[in-house]
Amino acid sequence: MNSKIILVSALVLAGIGGLMFWGRANQTSATASVQGAQSALVANESLYDFGTISMKDGIVSRMFTVTNQNERAVLVTDIATSCMCTTAYLVGEGGMKRGPFGMPGHGGPSPKANETIPAGESRSIEVVYDPNAHGPAGVGAMDRFIYITDVSGGTLTLEIKANVTP
């Protein structure tokens, strides 16, 4: 009887270990695909920390500047965020604001950016964070990402952080 229990226990542990290994392998490949290739675009700053913000004060935003340092024009095809609580807007030539761009698969289809940035020129990306989007469970440290993808598949990642209080 003891040998049966030991054998079943060993098989269960091996199965759990196999699932953990398989899950880790899938997580690594998903992370690599999100990061993408190196983009021709650069940002004046890629991280902004709002510090401590209050849910009762509502939405906060930050403007990032993205520059094409390439010798050729770069077509920005997609802009996406890592969470539905964060949206981004592309401020194009002439100050025209396009978006909102959000988390893929949440809130309907995301619009395509389709913005050409000529060599040496810049565009602004307005990042908007809603601290109330997660309700009372959304207090504490927050870290969100904005992915700007160009036609070559290169991705520039912007990041915002905050400590959310009620």
N, C-alpha and C. Protein backbone atom coordinates (compact mmCIF):
# COMPACT_ATOMS: atom_id res chain seq x y z
N MET A 1 0.82 -1.19 0.00
CA MET A 1 0.00 0.00 0.00
C MET A 1 0.86 1.25 0.00
N ASN A 2 1.93 1.28 0.79
CA ASN A 2 2.80 2.44 0.85
C ASN A 2 3.49 2.71 -0.49
N SER A 3 3.85 1.65 -1.21
CA SER A 3 4.52 1.84 -2.50
C SER A 3 3.57 2.47 -3.52
N LYS A 4 2.26 2.16 -3.44
CA LYS A 4 1.27 2.79 -4.34
C LYS A 4 1.16 4.28 -4.04
N ILE A 5 1.11 4.64 -2.79
CA ILE A 5 0.99 6.05 -2.40
C ILE A 5 2.24 6.82 -2.83
N ILE A 6 3.39 6.22 -2.65
CA ILE A 6 4.64 6.88 -3.06
C ILE A 6 4.67 7.05 -4.57
N LEU A 7 4.27 6.03 -5.33
CA LEU A 7 4.27 6.10 -6.78
C LEU A 7 3.30 7.16 -7.28
N VAL A 8 2.08 7.20 -6.74
CA VAL A 8 1.09 8.20 -7.15
C VAL A 8 1.58 9.60 -6.78
N SER A 9 2.14 9.76 -5.61
CA SER A 9 2.67 11.06 -5.19
C SER A 9 3.79 11.52 -6.12
N ALA A 10 4.66 10.61 -6.49
CA ALA A 10 5.77 10.95 -7.40
C ALA A 10 5.24 11.36 -8.77
N LEU A 11 4.22 10.66 -9.27
CA LEU A 11 3.63 11.01 -10.57
C LEU A 11 2.95 12.38 -10.51
N VAL A 12 2.24 12.67 -9.45
CA VAL A 12 1.58 13.97 -9.29
C VAL A 12 2.62 15.09 -9.24
N LEU A 13 3.68 14.91 -8.46
CA LEU A 13 4.75 15.91 -8.38
C LEU A 13 5.44 16.11 -9.73
N ALA A 14 5.68 15.02 -10.45
CA ALA A 14 6.29 15.12 -11.78
C ALA A 14 5.37 15.88 -12.73
N GLY A 15 4.07 15.61 -12.65
CA GLY A 15 3.10 16.33 -13.49
C GLY A 15 3.07 17.82 -13.19
N ILE A 16 3.08 18.17 -11.92
CA ILE A 16 3.10 19.58 -11.52
C ILE A 16 4.39 20.24 -11.98
N GLY A 17 5.50 19.57 -11.79
CA GLY A 17 6.79 20.10 -12.25
C GLY A 17 6.81 20.30 -13.75
N GLY A 18 6.24 19.35 -14.50
CA GLY A 18 6.18 19.48 -15.96
C GLY A 18 5.33 20.66 -16.38
N LEU A 19 4.20 20.86 -15.72
CA LEU A 19 3.35 22.02 -16.02
C LEU A 19 4.05 23.34 -15.71
N MET A 20 4.79 23.39 -14.61
CA MET A 20 5.53 24.60 -14.26
C MET A 20 6.61 24.89 -15.30
N PHE A 21 7.32 23.86 -15.74
CA PHE A 21 8.36 24.02 -16.76
C PHE A 21 7.74 24.50 -18.07
N TRP A 22 6.64 23.88 -18.48
CA TRP A 22 5.94 24.25 -19.71
C TRP A 22 5.43 25.69 -19.63
N GLY A 23 4.87 26.08 -18.49
CA GLY A 23 4.38 27.45 -18.30
C GLY A 23 5.49 28.47 -18.36
N ARG A 24 6.63 28.14 -17.78
CA ARG A 24 7.79 29.06 -17.82
C ARG A 24 8.29 29.24 -19.24
N ALA A 25 8.33 28.18 -20.01
CA ALA A 25 8.79 28.25 -21.40
C ALA A 25 7.85 29.14 -22.21
N ASN A 26 6.54 29.02 -22.01
CA ASN A 26 5.58 29.86 -22.72
C ASN A 26 5.69 31.31 -22.29
N GLN A 27 5.94 31.56 -21.02
CA GLN A 27 6.07 32.93 -20.52
C GLN A 27 7.29 33.61 -21.14
N THR A 28 8.39 32.92 -21.26
CA THR A 28 9.61 33.48 -21.85
C THR A 28 9.39 33.85 -23.30
N SER A 29 8.72 32.99 -24.08
CA SER A 29 8.52 33.30 -25.49
C SER A 29 7.53 34.45 -25.66
N ALA A 30 6.53 34.57 -24.80
CA ALA A 30 5.59 35.68 -24.88
C ALA A 30 6.29 36.99 -24.58
N THR A 31 7.18 37.00 -23.59
CA THR A 31 7.92 38.22 -23.25
C THR A 31 8.80 38.64 -24.41
N ALA A 32 9.46 37.71 -25.06
CA ALA A 32 10.33 38.05 -26.18
C ALA A 32 9.53 38.64 -27.32
N SER A 33 8.33 38.14 -27.60
CA SER A 33 7.55 38.67 -28.71
C SER A 33 7.01 40.05 -28.41
N VAL A 34 6.70 40.36 -27.14
CA VAL A 34 6.22 41.69 -26.80
C VAL A 34 7.33 42.72 -26.94
N GLN A 35 8.54 42.37 -26.55
CA GLN A 35 9.64 43.32 -26.60
C GLN A 35 10.03 43.66 -28.04
N GLY A 36 9.90 42.72 -28.96
CA GLY A 36 10.18 42.98 -30.36
C GLY A 36 11.62 43.36 -30.64
N ALA A 37 11.84 43.82 -31.87
CA ALA A 37 13.17 44.24 -32.31
C ALA A 37 13.44 45.67 -31.86
N GLN A 38 14.67 46.10 -32.04
CA GLN A 38 15.06 47.47 -31.71
C GLN A 38 14.38 48.43 -32.69
N SER A 39 13.81 49.49 -32.17
CA SER A 39 13.13 50.49 -32.99
C SER A 39 14.11 51.56 -33.46
N ALA A 40 13.77 52.18 -34.58
CA ALA A 40 14.54 53.34 -35.07
C ALA A 40 14.17 54.59 -34.29
N LEU A 41 13.14 54.49 -33.46
CA LEU A 41 12.67 55.63 -32.68
C LEU A 41 13.34 55.65 -31.31
N VAL A 42 13.54 56.85 -30.78
CA VAL A 42 14.06 57.01 -29.43
C VAL A 42 13.17 58.01 -28.70
N ALA A 43 13.15 57.93 -27.37
CA ALA A 43 12.33 58.83 -26.57
C ALA A 43 13.23 59.72 -25.73
N ASN A 44 12.77 60.95 -25.49
CA ASN A 44 13.54 61.86 -24.64
C ASN A 44 13.64 61.31 -23.23
N GLU A 45 12.62 60.58 -22.79
CA GLU A 45 12.63 59.82 -21.55
C GLU A 45 11.75 58.61 -21.79
N SER A 46 12.13 57.48 -21.26
CA SER A 46 11.33 56.29 -21.47
C SER A 46 10.60 55.85 -20.21
N LEU A 47 10.88 56.49 -19.08
CA LEU A 47 10.24 56.16 -17.80
C LEU A 47 9.83 57.45 -17.10
N TYR A 48 8.58 57.46 -16.63
CA TYR A 48 8.13 58.59 -15.81
C TYR A 48 7.45 58.03 -14.57
N ASP A 49 7.86 58.52 -13.41
CA ASP A 49 7.28 58.11 -12.13
C ASP A 49 6.41 59.26 -11.61
N PHE A 50 5.10 59.03 -11.53
CA PHE A 50 4.17 60.04 -11.03
C PHE A 50 4.33 60.26 -9.53
N GLY A 51 5.05 59.37 -8.86
CA GLY A 51 5.16 59.45 -7.40
C GLY A 51 3.88 58.92 -6.78
N THR A 52 3.46 59.51 -5.68
CA THR A 52 2.22 59.09 -5.02
C THR A 52 1.06 59.89 -5.60
N ILE A 53 0.05 59.14 -6.09
CA ILE A 53 -1.15 59.78 -6.63
C ILE A 53 -2.37 59.21 -5.91
N SER A 54 -3.43 59.98 -5.86
CA SER A 54 -4.63 59.57 -5.16
C SER A 54 -5.74 59.19 -6.14
N MET A 55 -6.45 58.13 -5.82
CA MET A 55 -7.60 57.73 -6.64
C MET A 55 -8.63 58.85 -6.68
N LYS A 56 -8.80 59.55 -5.56
CA LYS A 56 -9.83 60.59 -5.50
C LYS A 56 -9.50 61.78 -6.40
N ASP A 57 -8.21 61.96 -6.74
CA ASP A 57 -7.83 63.06 -7.62
C ASP A 57 -8.01 62.70 -9.10
N GLY A 58 -8.20 61.43 -9.40
CA GLY A 58 -8.53 61.00 -10.75
C GLY A 58 -7.34 60.86 -11.70
N ILE A 59 -7.66 61.01 -12.97
CA ILE A 59 -6.75 60.73 -14.08
C ILE A 59 -5.50 61.61 -14.07
N VAL A 60 -4.36 60.98 -14.42
CA VAL A 60 -3.10 61.71 -14.59
C VAL A 60 -2.57 61.42 -15.99
N SER A 61 -1.75 62.33 -16.51
CA SER A 61 -1.19 62.09 -17.84
C SER A 61 0.23 62.63 -17.93
N ARG A 62 0.94 62.13 -18.94
CA ARG A 62 2.32 62.55 -19.16
C ARG A 62 2.57 62.56 -20.67
N MET A 63 3.26 63.56 -21.14
CA MET A 63 3.61 63.69 -22.55
C MET A 63 5.06 63.22 -22.75
N PHE A 64 5.26 62.28 -23.66
CA PHE A 64 6.58 61.79 -24.03
C PHE A 64 6.88 62.29 -25.45
N THR A 65 8.13 62.56 -25.75
CA THR A 65 8.53 62.94 -27.11
C THR A 65 9.30 61.78 -27.72
N VAL A 66 8.87 61.38 -28.92
CA VAL A 66 9.50 60.28 -29.65
C VAL A 66 10.12 60.86 -30.91
N THR A 67 11.39 60.55 -31.15
CA THR A 67 12.14 61.12 -32.27
C THR A 67 12.66 60.04 -33.19
N ASN A 68 12.59 60.30 -34.50
CA ASN A 68 13.16 59.42 -35.50
C ASN A 68 14.59 59.87 -35.76
N GLN A 69 15.56 59.11 -35.28
CA GLN A 69 16.97 59.45 -35.50
C GLN A 69 17.54 58.73 -36.72
N ASN A 70 16.67 58.10 -37.47
CA ASN A 70 17.06 57.40 -38.68
C ASN A 70 17.29 58.40 -39.81
N GLU A 71 17.92 57.95 -40.89
CA GLU A 71 18.10 58.81 -42.06
C GLU A 71 16.91 58.73 -43.01
N ARG A 72 15.97 57.82 -42.70
CA ARG A 72 14.77 57.66 -43.52
C ARG A 72 13.54 57.81 -42.64
N ALA A 73 12.41 58.06 -43.27
CA ALA A 73 11.14 58.16 -42.55
C ALA A 73 10.80 56.81 -41.92
N VAL A 74 10.13 56.85 -40.78
CA VAL A 74 9.71 55.64 -40.08
C VAL A 74 8.19 55.68 -39.95
N LEU A 75 7.55 54.57 -40.32
CA LEU A 75 6.09 54.46 -40.20
C LEU A 75 5.76 53.76 -38.89
N VAL A 76 5.06 54.47 -38.00
CA VAL A 76 4.57 53.87 -36.75
C VAL A 76 3.26 53.18 -37.10
N THR A 77 3.21 51.86 -36.90
CA THR A 77 2.02 51.10 -37.27
C THR A 77 1.06 50.90 -36.11
N ASP A 78 1.61 50.64 -34.92
CA ASP A 78 0.76 50.31 -33.77
C ASP A 78 1.25 50.97 -32.50
N ILE A 79 0.30 51.29 -31.64
CA ILE A 79 0.59 51.75 -30.28
C ILE A 79 -0.34 50.95 -29.38
N ALA A 80 0.22 50.33 -28.34
CA ALA A 80 -0.57 49.51 -27.42
C ALA A 80 -0.09 49.74 -26.00
N THR A 81 -0.97 49.48 -25.04
CA THR A 81 -0.62 49.61 -23.63
C THR A 81 -0.71 48.24 -22.96
N SER A 82 -0.09 48.12 -21.79
CA SER A 82 -0.04 46.84 -21.09
C SER A 82 -1.27 46.59 -20.22
N CYS A 83 -2.14 47.59 -20.07
CA CYS A 83 -3.30 47.42 -19.20
C CYS A 83 -4.43 48.34 -19.67
N MET A 84 -5.65 47.93 -19.41
CA MET A 84 -6.80 48.72 -19.84
C MET A 84 -6.94 50.04 -19.06
N CYS A 85 -6.23 50.19 -17.97
CA CYS A 85 -6.28 51.42 -17.20
C CYS A 85 -5.44 52.53 -17.82
N THR A 86 -4.68 52.19 -18.84
CA THR A 86 -3.75 53.13 -19.48
C THR A 86 -4.11 53.27 -20.96
N THR A 87 -4.17 54.50 -21.44
CA THR A 87 -4.38 54.76 -22.86
C THR A 87 -3.29 55.71 -23.35
N ALA A 88 -3.10 55.71 -24.65
CA ALA A 88 -2.10 56.59 -25.25
C ALA A 88 -2.72 57.29 -26.44
N TYR A 89 -2.26 58.50 -26.69
CA TYR A 89 -2.69 59.28 -27.84
C TYR A 89 -1.45 59.72 -28.60
N LEU A 90 -1.52 59.67 -29.91
CA LEU A 90 -0.43 60.13 -30.77
C LEU A 90 -0.77 61.54 -31.22
N VAL A 91 0.13 62.46 -30.93
CA VAL A 91 -0.06 63.84 -31.37
C VAL A 91 0.80 63.99 -32.62
N GLY A 92 0.12 64.04 -33.76
CA GLY A 92 0.80 64.04 -35.05
C GLY A 92 1.15 65.42 -35.54
N GLU A 93 1.53 65.46 -36.81
CA GLU A 93 1.89 66.71 -37.46
C GLU A 93 0.71 67.68 -37.39
N GLY A 94 1.00 68.91 -37.03
CA GLY A 94 -0.05 69.92 -36.93
C GLY A 94 -0.85 69.83 -35.64
N GLY A 95 -0.40 69.00 -34.70
CA GLY A 95 -1.08 68.90 -33.41
C GLY A 95 -2.31 68.01 -33.42
N MET A 96 -2.54 67.29 -34.53
CA MET A 96 -3.71 66.41 -34.60
C MET A 96 -3.53 65.23 -33.64
N LYS A 97 -4.52 65.03 -32.77
CA LYS A 97 -4.45 63.98 -31.74
C LYS A 97 -5.22 62.75 -32.24
N ARG A 98 -4.55 61.58 -32.22
CA ARG A 98 -5.18 60.34 -32.66
C ARG A 98 -5.16 59.32 -31.54
N GLY A 99 -6.20 58.52 -31.48
CA GLY A 99 -6.32 57.49 -30.47
C GLY A 99 -7.75 57.45 -29.98
N PRO A 100 -8.02 56.89 -28.84
CA PRO A 100 -7.07 56.33 -27.88
C PRO A 100 -6.58 54.96 -28.32
N PHE A 101 -5.32 54.70 -27.97
CA PHE A 101 -4.72 53.39 -28.16
C PHE A 101 -4.66 52.75 -26.78
N GLY A 102 -5.09 51.50 -26.69
CA GLY A 102 -5.14 50.85 -25.39
C GLY A 102 -4.59 49.44 -25.45
N MET A 103 -5.04 48.65 -24.49
CA MET A 103 -4.60 47.26 -24.37
C MET A 103 -5.31 46.44 -25.46
N PRO A 104 -4.57 45.73 -26.28
CA PRO A 104 -5.20 44.92 -27.33
C PRO A 104 -6.18 43.91 -26.76
N GLY A 105 -7.35 43.83 -27.40
CA GLY A 105 -8.36 42.87 -26.99
C GLY A 105 -9.32 43.37 -25.93
N HIS A 106 -9.13 44.59 -25.45
CA HIS A 106 -10.02 45.15 -24.43
C HIS A 106 -10.64 46.43 -24.96
N GLY A 107 -11.96 46.50 -24.93
CA GLY A 107 -12.66 47.70 -25.37
C GLY A 107 -12.78 47.80 -26.88
N GLY A 108 -12.80 46.68 -27.57
CA GLY A 108 -12.95 46.71 -29.02
C GLY A 108 -11.63 46.79 -29.73
N PRO A 109 -11.70 46.83 -31.05
CA PRO A 109 -10.45 46.85 -31.82
C PRO A 109 -9.70 48.17 -31.64
N SER A 110 -8.39 48.08 -31.54
CA SER A 110 -7.57 49.27 -31.41
C SER A 110 -7.34 49.87 -32.78
N PRO A 111 -7.35 51.19 -32.87
CA PRO A 111 -7.06 51.81 -34.17
C PRO A 111 -5.60 51.61 -34.53
N LYS A 112 -5.29 51.70 -35.80
CA LYS A 112 -3.91 51.64 -36.27
C LYS A 112 -3.33 53.05 -36.20
N ALA A 113 -2.07 53.15 -35.83
CA ALA A 113 -1.44 54.47 -35.71
C ALA A 113 -1.18 55.07 -37.09
N ASN A 114 -0.53 54.30 -37.96
CA ASN A 114 -0.22 54.74 -39.33
C ASN A 114 0.25 56.19 -39.40
N GLU A 115 1.28 56.49 -38.65
CA GLU A 115 1.87 57.84 -38.62
C GLU A 115 3.30 57.75 -39.11
N THR A 116 3.61 58.50 -40.16
CA THR A 116 4.97 58.55 -40.68
C THR A 116 5.71 59.69 -40.00
N ILE A 117 6.86 59.35 -39.42
CA ILE A 117 7.71 60.36 -38.79
C ILE A 117 8.93 60.54 -39.68
N PRO A 118 9.05 61.68 -40.35
CA PRO A 118 10.21 61.91 -41.22
C PRO A 118 11.52 61.89 -40.43
N ALA A 119 12.61 61.67 -41.14
CA ALA A 119 13.94 61.63 -40.53
C ALA A 119 14.20 62.90 -39.74
N GLY A 120 14.65 62.73 -38.50
CA GLY A 120 14.99 63.86 -37.64
C GLY A 120 13.82 64.55 -36.98
N GLU A 121 12.60 64.14 -37.26
CA GLU A 121 11.44 64.79 -36.66
C GLU A 121 10.92 64.01 -35.45
N SER A 122 10.06 64.69 -34.69
CA SER A 122 9.52 64.10 -33.45
C SER A 122 8.00 64.14 -33.46
N ARG A 123 7.42 63.30 -32.63
CA ARG A 123 5.98 63.31 -32.35
C ARG A 123 5.83 63.14 -30.85
N SER A 124 4.69 63.56 -30.34
CA SER A 124 4.40 63.41 -28.92
C SER A 124 3.44 62.24 -28.71
N ILE A 125 3.66 61.53 -27.61
CA ILE A 125 2.77 60.46 -27.17
C ILE A 125 2.25 60.88 -25.81
N GLU A 126 0.93 61.10 -25.72
CA GLU A 126 0.32 61.43 -24.43
C GLU A 126 -0.15 60.14 -23.79
N VAL A 127 0.34 59.85 -22.59
CA VAL A 127 -0.03 58.64 -21.86
C VAL A 127 -0.96 59.06 -20.73
N VAL A 128 -2.14 58.41 -20.66
CA VAL A 128 -3.16 58.74 -19.68
C VAL A 128 -3.41 57.51 -18.80
N TYR A 129 -3.34 57.72 -17.48
CA TYR A 129 -3.55 56.62 -16.53
C TYR A 129 -4.74 56.96 -15.64
N ASP A 130 -5.67 56.00 -15.52
CA ASP A 130 -6.85 56.17 -14.66
C ASP A 130 -6.68 55.30 -13.42
N PRO A 131 -6.37 55.91 -12.25
CA PRO A 131 -6.14 55.12 -11.05
C PRO A 131 -7.40 54.45 -10.51
N ASN A 132 -8.57 54.84 -11.02
CA ASN A 132 -9.83 54.24 -10.56
C ASN A 132 -10.25 53.03 -11.40
N ALA A 133 -9.53 52.73 -12.47
CA ALA A 133 -9.93 51.66 -13.38
C ALA A 133 -10.01 50.29 -12.71
N HIS A 134 -9.20 50.05 -11.69
CA HIS A 134 -9.18 48.75 -11.02
C HIS A 134 -10.00 48.73 -9.73
N GLY A 135 -10.67 49.84 -9.42
CA GLY A 135 -11.46 49.91 -8.21
C GLY A 135 -10.60 49.89 -6.96
N PRO A 136 -11.19 49.55 -5.82
CA PRO A 136 -10.45 49.57 -4.55
C PRO A 136 -9.23 48.66 -4.53
N ALA A 137 -9.21 47.63 -5.36
CA ALA A 137 -8.06 46.72 -5.38
C ALA A 137 -6.85 47.34 -6.09
N GLY A 138 -7.03 48.50 -6.70
CA GLY A 138 -5.97 49.11 -7.49
C GLY A 138 -5.01 50.00 -6.72
N VAL A 139 -5.01 49.91 -5.39
CA VAL A 139 -4.08 50.74 -4.62
C VAL A 139 -2.72 50.04 -4.52
N GLY A 140 -1.68 50.85 -4.32
CA GLY A 140 -0.33 50.31 -4.20
C GLY A 140 0.50 50.66 -5.42
N ALA A 141 1.60 49.94 -5.57
CA ALA A 141 2.53 50.21 -6.67
C ALA A 141 1.91 49.85 -8.01
N MET A 142 2.10 50.72 -9.00
CA MET A 142 1.60 50.53 -10.35
C MET A 142 2.75 50.72 -11.32
N ASP A 143 2.85 49.84 -12.32
CA ASP A 143 3.89 49.91 -13.33
C ASP A 143 3.25 49.50 -14.66
N ARG A 144 3.16 50.43 -15.63
CA ARG A 144 2.50 50.17 -16.91
C ARG A 144 3.44 50.50 -18.07
N PHE A 145 3.18 49.86 -19.21
CA PHE A 145 4.04 50.00 -20.38
C PHE A 145 3.24 50.42 -21.60
N ILE A 146 3.89 51.17 -22.48
CA ILE A 146 3.31 51.60 -23.74
C ILE A 146 4.27 51.13 -24.82
N TYR A 147 3.76 50.40 -25.81
CA TYR A 147 4.57 49.82 -26.87
C TYR A 147 4.29 50.55 -28.18
N ILE A 148 5.32 51.12 -28.77
CA ILE A 148 5.20 51.83 -30.04
C ILE A 148 5.96 51.01 -31.08
N THR A 149 5.22 50.46 -32.06
CA THR A 149 5.80 49.54 -33.03
C THR A 149 5.87 50.20 -34.40
N ASP A 150 7.04 50.05 -35.05
CA ASP A 150 7.18 50.61 -36.40
C ASP A 150 7.03 49.50 -37.44
N VAL A 151 7.00 49.89 -38.70
CA VAL A 151 6.71 48.97 -39.79
C VAL A 151 7.74 47.84 -39.89
N SER A 152 8.96 48.04 -39.41
CA SER A 152 9.98 46.99 -39.46
C SER A 152 9.83 45.98 -38.31
N GLY A 153 8.87 46.25 -37.42
CA GLY A 153 8.67 45.37 -36.26
C GLY A 153 9.42 45.83 -35.04
N GLY A 154 10.19 46.90 -35.15
CA GLY A 154 10.91 47.45 -34.01
C GLY A 154 9.94 48.06 -33.02
N THR A 155 10.23 47.90 -31.73
CA THR A 155 9.33 48.40 -30.70
C THR A 155 10.08 49.28 -29.71
N LEU A 156 9.53 50.47 -29.49
CA LEU A 156 10.02 51.38 -28.46
C LEU A 156 9.06 51.24 -27.28
N THR A 157 9.60 51.02 -26.08
CA THR A 157 8.77 50.85 -24.89
C THR A 157 8.90 52.05 -23.97
N LEU A 158 7.76 52.62 -23.60
CA LEU A 158 7.70 53.68 -22.60
C LEU A 158 7.10 53.08 -21.34
N GLU A 159 7.41 53.68 -20.18
CA GLU A 159 6.94 53.12 -18.92
C GLU A 159 6.49 54.24 -17.99
N ILE A 160 5.38 53.99 -17.28
CA ILE A 160 4.93 54.91 -16.23
C ILE A 160 4.79 54.12 -14.93
N LYS A 161 5.06 54.80 -13.83
CA LYS A 161 4.95 54.20 -12.49
C LYS A 161 4.22 55.16 -11.58
N ALA A 162 3.65 54.62 -10.50
CA ALA A 162 3.04 55.44 -9.47
C ALA A 162 2.77 54.58 -8.25
N ASN A 163 2.57 55.25 -7.14
CA ASN A 163 2.08 54.60 -5.93
C ASN A 163 0.68 55.16 -5.73
N VAL A 164 -0.34 54.31 -5.92
CA VAL A 164 -1.73 54.75 -5.88
C VAL A 164 -2.29 54.61 -4.47
N THR A 165 -2.88 55.68 -3.97
CA THR A 165 -3.53 55.69 -2.66
C THR A 165 -5.02 55.95 -2.86
N PRO A 166 -5.84 55.59 -1.85
CA PRO A 166 -7.29 55.85 -1.98
C PRO A 166 -7.57 57.32 -2.01
